[in-house]
Protein backbone atom coordinates (compact mmCIF):
# COMPACT_ATOMS: atom_id res chain seq x y z
CA MET A 1 27.21 11.26 11.74
CA SER A 2 23.70 10.38 10.57
CA SER A 3 21.97 12.70 8.15
CA PRO A 4 19.06 14.79 9.45
CA ARG A 5 15.66 13.14 9.23
CA PRO A 6 13.31 14.71 6.68
CA GLU A 7 10.17 16.12 8.22
CA PRO A 8 6.98 14.61 6.73
CA THR A 9 4.49 17.14 5.40
CA ALA A 10 0.75 17.18 5.88
CA GLU A 11 0.46 15.91 2.31
CA ASP A 12 2.72 12.96 3.15
CA ARG A 13 0.52 12.06 6.10
CA GLN A 14 -2.66 12.37 4.08
CA ALA A 15 -1.23 10.25 1.28
CA LEU A 16 -0.36 7.43 3.68
CA LEU A 17 -3.73 7.65 5.36
CA GLY A 18 -5.33 7.26 1.94
CA MET A 19 -3.24 4.15 1.29
CA ILE A 20 -4.11 2.72 4.70
CA GLY A 21 -7.81 3.10 3.95
CA GLY A 22 -7.49 1.72 0.44
CA PHE A 23 -8.69 -1.73 1.54
CA SER A 24 -12.12 -0.28 2.21
CA ALA A 25 -12.43 1.35 -1.21
CA THR A 26 -11.41 -1.92 -2.86
CA GLN A 27 -14.20 -3.85 -1.20
CA ILE A 28 -16.77 -1.09 -1.72
CA LEU A 29 -16.02 -1.15 -5.45
CA TYR A 30 -16.07 -4.95 -5.41
CA ALA A 31 -19.49 -5.06 -3.77
CA ALA A 32 -20.86 -2.48 -6.23
CA ALA A 33 -19.52 -4.46 -9.20
CA ARG A 34 -20.68 -7.81 -7.86
CA VAL A 35 -24.32 -6.73 -7.45
CA GLY A 36 -24.35 -4.48 -10.52
CA VAL A 37 -25.36 -1.22 -8.84
CA VAL A 38 -24.35 1.01 -11.74
CA ASP A 39 -26.26 -1.06 -14.31
CA LEU A 40 -29.36 -0.91 -12.10
CA VAL A 41 -29.14 2.85 -11.55
CA ARG A 42 -28.67 3.42 -15.29
CA SER A 43 -31.76 1.30 -15.96
CA GLY A 44 -33.89 3.68 -13.86
CA GLN A 45 -33.76 1.90 -10.50
CA ASN A 46 -32.18 4.96 -8.98
CA ASN A 47 -33.47 5.25 -5.42
CA VAL A 48 -32.98 3.23 -2.26
CA ALA A 49 -36.44 1.65 -2.29
CA THR A 50 -36.32 0.32 -5.86
CA LEU A 51 -32.72 -0.83 -5.54
CA ALA A 52 -33.43 -2.58 -2.23
CA ALA A 53 -36.37 -4.41 -3.78
CA SER A 54 -34.35 -5.43 -6.84
CA LEU A 55 -31.39 -6.66 -4.80
CA SER A 56 -33.42 -8.12 -1.90
CA LEU A 57 -31.38 -6.06 0.56
CA PRO A 58 -32.46 -4.05 3.64
CA PRO A 59 -33.13 -0.43 2.55
CA ASP A 60 -31.46 1.24 5.54
CA ARG A 61 -28.11 -0.53 5.21
CA LEU A 62 -28.18 -0.37 1.43
CA GLY A 63 -28.76 3.39 1.64
CA ARG A 64 -25.68 3.78 3.80
CA PHE A 65 -23.68 1.81 1.21
CA LEU A 66 -24.99 3.94 -1.65
CA ARG A 67 -23.93 7.09 0.18
CA MET A 68 -20.39 5.67 0.32
CA LEU A 69 -20.51 5.21 -3.44
CA VAL A 70 -21.20 8.94 -3.59
CA VAL A 71 -18.18 9.58 -1.34
CA ILE A 72 -15.83 7.68 -3.66
CA GLY A 73 -17.29 9.27 -6.78
CA VAL A 74 -19.19 6.38 -8.38
CA LEU A 75 -22.68 7.78 -7.78
CA GLU A 76 -24.03 11.28 -7.21
CA GLU A 77 -27.17 12.50 -5.47
CA ASP A 78 -29.75 13.75 -7.93
CA GLY A 79 -31.53 16.16 -5.58
CA ARG A 80 -34.72 14.07 -5.54
CA ALA A 81 -33.69 11.45 -2.95
CA GLY A 82 -32.23 9.38 -5.74
CA PHE A 83 -28.90 8.70 -7.39
CA GLY A 84 -27.24 9.14 -10.74
CA VAL A 85 -24.09 7.62 -12.20
CA THR A 86 -21.02 9.84 -12.40
CA ARG A 87 -18.52 9.89 -15.25
CA ARG A 88 -16.20 7.77 -13.11
CA GLY A 89 -19.05 5.45 -12.23
CA GLU A 90 -19.68 4.65 -15.91
CA LEU A 91 -16.58 2.46 -15.74
CA LEU A 92 -18.59 0.12 -13.50
CA ALA A 93 -21.21 -0.38 -16.22
CA THR A 94 -20.89 -3.81 -17.83
CA ASP A 95 -21.68 -2.43 -21.29
CA HIS A 96 -19.11 0.37 -21.25
CA PRO A 97 -16.31 -0.26 -23.80
CA GLU A 98 -13.71 0.48 -21.10
CA SER A 99 -15.55 -1.25 -18.27
CA LEU A 100 -13.44 -2.10 -15.23
CA VAL A 101 -15.90 -4.62 -13.82
CA ASP A 102 -13.75 -7.67 -14.60
CA HIS A 103 -10.71 -5.92 -13.15
CA ILE A 104 -12.55 -4.95 -9.96
CA LEU A 105 -13.96 -8.46 -9.47
CA HIS A 106 -10.52 -10.03 -10.03
CA VAL A 107 -8.85 -7.68 -7.55
CA GLY A 108 -11.62 -8.05 -4.97
CA GLU A 109 -11.68 -11.84 -5.10
CA ILE A 110 -7.99 -12.62 -5.67
CA SER A 111 -5.53 -9.75 -5.27
CA TYR A 112 -7.18 -8.41 -2.11
CA GLU A 113 -7.05 -11.80 -0.42
CA VAL A 114 -3.49 -12.50 -1.57
CA ALA A 115 -2.14 -9.18 -0.29
CA ARG A 116 -2.46 -10.22 3.35
CA HIS A 117 0.41 -12.70 2.85
CA VAL A 118 3.15 -10.26 1.79
CA THR A 119 5.35 -11.15 4.75
CA ALA A 120 5.00 -14.89 4.13
CA ALA A 121 5.94 -14.50 0.47
CA ILE A 122 9.04 -12.50 1.36
CA ALA A 123 10.08 -14.85 4.18
CA THR A 124 9.48 -18.19 2.45
CA GLY A 125 9.60 -17.51 -1.29
CA ARG A 126 6.27 -19.28 -1.63
CA PRO A 127 3.84 -17.21 -3.72
CA ALA A 128 1.28 -15.46 -1.54
CA PHE A 129 -1.42 -16.79 -3.86
CA ASP A 130 -0.48 -20.36 -2.96
CA VAL A 131 -0.58 -19.49 0.75
CA GLN A 132 -4.09 -18.03 0.45
CA PHE A 133 -5.70 -20.48 -1.96
CA GLY A 134 -3.68 -23.64 -1.35
CA LEU A 135 -2.65 -24.16 -4.99
CA PRO A 136 -0.83 -22.23 -7.74
CA LEU A 137 -2.60 -19.49 -9.67
CA PHE A 138 -2.91 -21.32 -12.99
CA ASP A 139 -4.17 -24.49 -11.30
CA TYR A 140 -6.78 -22.38 -9.56
CA LEU A 141 -7.83 -20.78 -12.84
CA ALA A 142 -8.08 -24.21 -14.48
CA SER A 143 -10.50 -25.28 -11.75
CA SER A 144 -12.61 -22.10 -11.83
CA PRO A 145 -14.08 -21.27 -15.26
CA GLU A 146 -15.53 -17.94 -14.11
CA ALA A 147 -12.20 -16.75 -12.70
CA ARG A 148 -10.35 -18.07 -15.77
CA VAL A 149 -12.57 -16.22 -18.25
CA ARG A 150 -12.25 -13.05 -16.20
CA PHE A 151 -8.46 -13.42 -16.05
CA ASP A 152 -8.23 -14.07 -19.80
CA ASN A 153 -10.41 -11.02 -20.45
CA LEU A 154 -8.03 -8.89 -18.39
CA MET A 155 -5.01 -10.28 -20.24
CA ALA A 156 -6.70 -9.69 -23.60
CA ASP A 157 -7.50 -6.11 -22.62
CA ALA A 158 -3.89 -5.49 -21.60
CA THR A 159 -2.67 -7.11 -24.82
CA ARG A 160 -4.77 -4.75 -26.94
CA GLY A 161 -2.76 -1.88 -25.54
CA ARG A 162 0.46 -3.45 -26.82
CA ILE A 163 -0.61 -4.84 -30.18
CA GLU A 164 0.22 -1.83 -32.33
CA ALA A 165 3.62 -1.53 -30.67
CA ILE A 166 4.34 -5.21 -31.37
CA LEU A 167 3.23 -4.97 -34.98
CA SER A 168 5.38 -1.88 -35.48
CA ALA A 169 8.42 -3.49 -33.87
CA HIS A 170 8.47 -6.77 -35.79
CA ASP A 171 7.90 -7.48 -39.49
CA PHE A 172 5.66 -10.54 -39.80
CA ARG A 173 5.28 -10.24 -43.60
CA GLN A 174 7.71 -13.06 -44.40
CA ALA A 175 6.18 -15.49 -41.90
CA ARG A 176 3.91 -18.33 -42.98
CA GLU A 177 2.89 -19.45 -39.48
CA VAL A 178 3.07 -17.80 -36.06
CA VAL A 179 2.53 -19.80 -32.87
CA ASP A 180 1.45 -17.87 -29.76
CA ILE A 181 2.65 -19.85 -26.73
CA GLY A 182 0.32 -19.29 -23.79
CA GLY A 183 -1.79 -17.19 -26.12
CA GLY A 184 -4.86 -17.07 -23.89
CA SER A 185 -7.97 -15.79 -25.65
CA GLY A 186 -6.13 -15.40 -28.96
CA GLU A 187 -6.33 -11.61 -29.00
CA LEU A 188 -2.74 -11.08 -30.17
CA ILE A 189 -2.73 -13.77 -32.85
CA LEU A 190 -6.08 -12.47 -34.12
CA HIS A 191 -4.58 -9.05 -34.85
CA ILE A 192 -1.38 -10.46 -36.34
CA VAL A 193 -3.32 -12.70 -38.73
CA ARG A 194 -5.82 -9.97 -39.57
CA ARG A 195 -2.96 -7.64 -40.56
CA HIS A 196 -1.24 -10.29 -42.76
CA PRO A 197 -3.66 -12.05 -45.14
CA THR A 198 -1.31 -14.91 -46.12
CA LEU A 199 -0.28 -15.84 -42.58
CA ARG A 200 -1.69 -18.62 -40.42
CA GLY A 201 -1.77 -18.37 -36.65
CA LEU A 202 -1.94 -20.89 -33.84
CA VAL A 203 -2.69 -20.55 -30.14
CA PHE A 204 -1.04 -23.10 -27.84
CA ASP A 205 -2.45 -23.13 -24.30
CA LEU A 206 -4.12 -25.28 -21.67
CA PRO A 207 -7.33 -27.13 -22.66
CA GLY A 208 -9.73 -24.89 -20.72
CA VAL A 209 -8.07 -21.75 -22.07
CA VAL A 210 -8.21 -23.06 -25.64
CA SER A 211 -11.91 -23.80 -25.20
CA ASP A 212 -12.51 -20.22 -24.08
CA ALA A 213 -10.39 -18.94 -27.00
CA ALA A 214 -12.60 -20.85 -29.44
CA ALA A 215 -15.62 -18.97 -28.12
CA HIS A 216 -13.75 -15.66 -28.28
CA LEU A 217 -12.63 -16.21 -31.87
CA ALA A 218 -15.92 -17.65 -33.15
CA GLY A 219 -17.30 -15.57 -35.99
CA GLN A 220 -14.13 -13.52 -36.47
CA ASP A 221 -13.32 -12.73 -40.09
CA VAL A 222 -10.01 -14.63 -39.92
CA GLY A 223 -11.11 -17.53 -37.74
CA SER A 224 -10.35 -20.09 -40.44
CA ARG A 225 -6.68 -19.07 -40.41
CA ILE A 226 -6.25 -19.58 -36.67
CA ASP A 227 -5.77 -23.03 -35.18
CA LEU A 228 -6.11 -23.86 -31.50
CA VAL A 229 -3.96 -26.57 -29.94
CA ALA A 230 -4.36 -27.68 -26.33
CA GLY A 231 -1.21 -28.51 -24.43
CA ASP A 232 0.88 -27.88 -21.34
CA MET A 233 4.03 -25.87 -22.07
CA PHE A 234 5.90 -27.85 -19.38
CA ARG A 235 4.94 -31.30 -20.65
CA ASP A 236 4.04 -30.93 -24.30
CA GLU A 237 6.17 -29.65 -27.14
CA PRO A 238 4.57 -26.80 -29.11
CA PRO A 239 3.66 -27.43 -32.76
CA ARG A 240 6.81 -27.82 -34.79
CA GLY A 241 8.21 -25.88 -37.72
CA ALA A 242 6.60 -22.45 -37.38
CA ASP A 243 8.44 -19.37 -38.60
CA VAL A 244 7.74 -17.42 -35.41
CA TYR A 245 7.06 -18.46 -31.82
CA ILE A 246 5.86 -15.62 -29.65
CA LEU A 247 5.63 -15.55 -25.86
CA SER A 248 3.79 -12.40 -24.84
CA ASN A 249 3.90 -11.58 -21.13
CA VAL A 250 4.51 -15.25 -20.34
CA ILE A 251 8.08 -15.74 -19.14
CA HIS A 252 7.63 -13.38 -16.19
CA ASP A 253 5.11 -15.80 -14.67
CA TRP A 254 7.84 -18.34 -13.90
CA ASP A 255 11.09 -18.71 -12.00
CA ASP A 256 14.35 -19.13 -13.92
CA GLU A 257 14.23 -22.93 -14.08
CA GLN A 258 10.66 -23.01 -15.33
CA ALA A 259 11.21 -20.15 -17.78
CA THR A 260 14.27 -21.91 -19.21
CA ALA A 261 12.24 -25.11 -19.66
CA ILE A 262 9.56 -23.24 -21.64
CA LEU A 263 12.14 -21.58 -23.86
CA ALA A 264 13.93 -24.90 -24.42
CA ARG A 265 10.68 -26.48 -25.65
CA CYS A 266 10.24 -23.61 -28.07
CA ARG A 267 13.81 -24.09 -29.32
CA SER A 268 13.17 -27.81 -29.80
CA ALA A 269 10.04 -27.12 -31.87
CA ALA A 270 11.61 -24.34 -33.94
CA GLU A 271 13.52 -24.63 -37.22
CA SER A 272 17.07 -23.32 -37.48
CA ASP A 273 15.84 -20.06 -39.01
CA SER A 274 12.75 -19.61 -36.83
CA ARG A 275 12.39 -16.53 -34.64
CA ILE A 276 11.37 -16.71 -31.00
CA LEU A 277 9.89 -13.44 -29.77
CA LEU A 278 9.57 -12.46 -26.13
CA VAL A 279 7.23 -9.59 -25.34
CA THR A 280 8.22 -8.66 -21.83
CA GLU A 281 8.98 -5.88 -19.40
CA LEU A 282 12.62 -5.16 -18.65
CA LEU A 283 13.58 -4.02 -15.18
CA PRO A 284 14.91 -0.45 -15.27
CA ASP A 285 18.19 0.75 -13.80
CA ARG A 286 16.26 3.06 -11.45
CA VAL A 287 12.82 2.57 -9.91
CA ALA A 288 11.74 6.05 -11.08
CA ASP A 289 12.33 5.10 -14.72
CA ALA A 290 9.52 2.51 -14.77
CA PRO A 291 7.70 2.25 -11.43
CA ALA A 292 4.84 0.24 -12.98
CA THR A 293 7.32 -2.43 -14.08
CA ILE A 294 8.64 -2.57 -10.51
CA ALA A 295 5.04 -2.98 -9.31
CA ASN A 296 4.47 -5.79 -11.81
CA ASP A 297 7.63 -7.50 -10.60
CA PHE A 298 6.25 -7.41 -7.05
CA SER A 299 2.94 -8.82 -8.33
CA MET A 300 4.83 -11.82 -9.72
CA LEU A 301 6.42 -12.38 -6.31
CA MET A 302 2.94 -12.44 -4.82
CA LEU A 303 1.02 -14.35 -7.47
CA THR A 304 3.24 -16.87 -9.24
CA GLY A 305 6.79 -16.85 -7.93
CA GLY A 306 7.97 -15.39 -11.24
CA ARG A 307 9.70 -12.07 -11.83
CA GLU A 308 10.43 -9.30 -14.28
CA ARG A 309 14.06 -9.35 -15.46
CA THR A 310 16.80 -7.13 -16.77
CA ARG A 311 18.01 -7.47 -20.35
CA ALA A 312 21.08 -9.36 -19.10
CA GLU A 313 18.94 -11.77 -17.08
CA CYS A 314 16.73 -12.45 -20.11
CA GLU A 315 19.81 -13.06 -22.24
CA ARG A 316 21.09 -15.62 -19.72
CA LEU A 317 17.74 -17.44 -19.75
CA LEU A 318 17.87 -17.65 -23.53
CA GLU A 319 21.44 -18.94 -23.49
CA ASP A 320 20.56 -21.60 -20.92
CA ALA A 321 17.76 -22.73 -23.26
CA GLY A 322 20.10 -22.98 -26.26
CA LEU A 323 19.00 -19.70 -27.81
CA ARG A 324 20.85 -16.55 -28.77
CA LEU A 325 19.51 -13.04 -28.26
CA HIS A 326 19.53 -11.42 -31.69
CA GLU A 327 17.87 -8.05 -31.07
CA VAL A 328 16.08 -5.98 -28.43
CA LYS A 329 13.41 -3.59 -29.65
CA PRO A 330 11.81 -1.13 -27.20
CA LEU A 331 8.02 -1.10 -27.47
CA ASP A 332 6.23 2.23 -27.54
CA VAL A 333 3.32 1.24 -25.28
CA ARG A 334 1.22 4.27 -24.38
CA ASN A 335 -1.17 3.23 -21.66
CA GLY A 336 -0.60 5.97 -19.09
CA ARG A 337 1.67 3.77 -16.97
CA GLN A 338 5.44 4.09 -16.67
CA GLU A 339 6.40 0.62 -17.88
CA ASN A 340 9.43 -0.62 -19.78
CA TRP A 341 8.20 -3.00 -22.50
CA ALA A 342 10.46 -4.55 -25.09
CA LEU A 343 10.39 -7.18 -27.81
CA LEU A 344 13.33 -9.58 -27.66
CA VAL A 345 14.16 -11.50 -30.84
CA ALA A 346 15.99 -14.82 -30.34
CA ARG A 347 17.20 -17.62 -32.61
CA GLN A 348 18.76 -21.02 -32.09
CA ALA A 349 22.32 -20.72 -30.85
């Protein structure tokens, strides 16, 4: 006998209706970020006429758009036929320290377009990104400097939220050199080197990314102790002989075969006593334990064909690459999301 069907509540219905209409809010935020509405309103161009003149847009239709920004809480009416920026709206200001502009532009231009191919990704195993854009994500980023810089900025921002947890979990004091494989803008290696005055750091990443990292690190107080090496982790061996090789949020981008190849190159470059550190999310036993990790796993299905993995799956990858899992250290990452971050320490088998 089948169990009785639960009766949806009014709240359940409203929640789903909100999700159904989420596409509209995404593109409204994207349009506001793309034309810089919040920056303009903060500069004093706070009514339809002045904004329409500044943006070369028809006043009537622009006014209707601005009213929608009031509906979603980005702007507020000031009582004088003008608009002000709300507390929430400040996050769309380009000069706010916690600005979400890069995030909104990335989602509006990439994630939004990719999401229409969920069924194709599930049915074929081909990343939805490839279906939409005709090439893999990292090839696309290599061909689009604006999108690449925005993506690296997002990764650097996410990394900042994990840096203290990483530094607390692993003792870098005995290391002479740390190589960050796929290190992006260099944000993580910058903080590791800054915390350890005798240590040298190195970022190993694709040529365009390394060029962007050079600009990011220019003028930093430890810039002379950070080297940048361009290379492809699938074709080029990382610099040899470092004490520590760290892969932060990298392995999840790739399927098992590709991930094993990356780890094997690290093993080949490492000395017998080198440490290889994986900063990664571990899939929980239950969805409710880390729903954000489950969401990130789905994002990998859509974007790259990679995946988040359980501890046992990570251990098998390491073994296939000739490495041995030495230790698993949970990371205390407090970012308001229910994620399951860990630092895995591996050595040559």
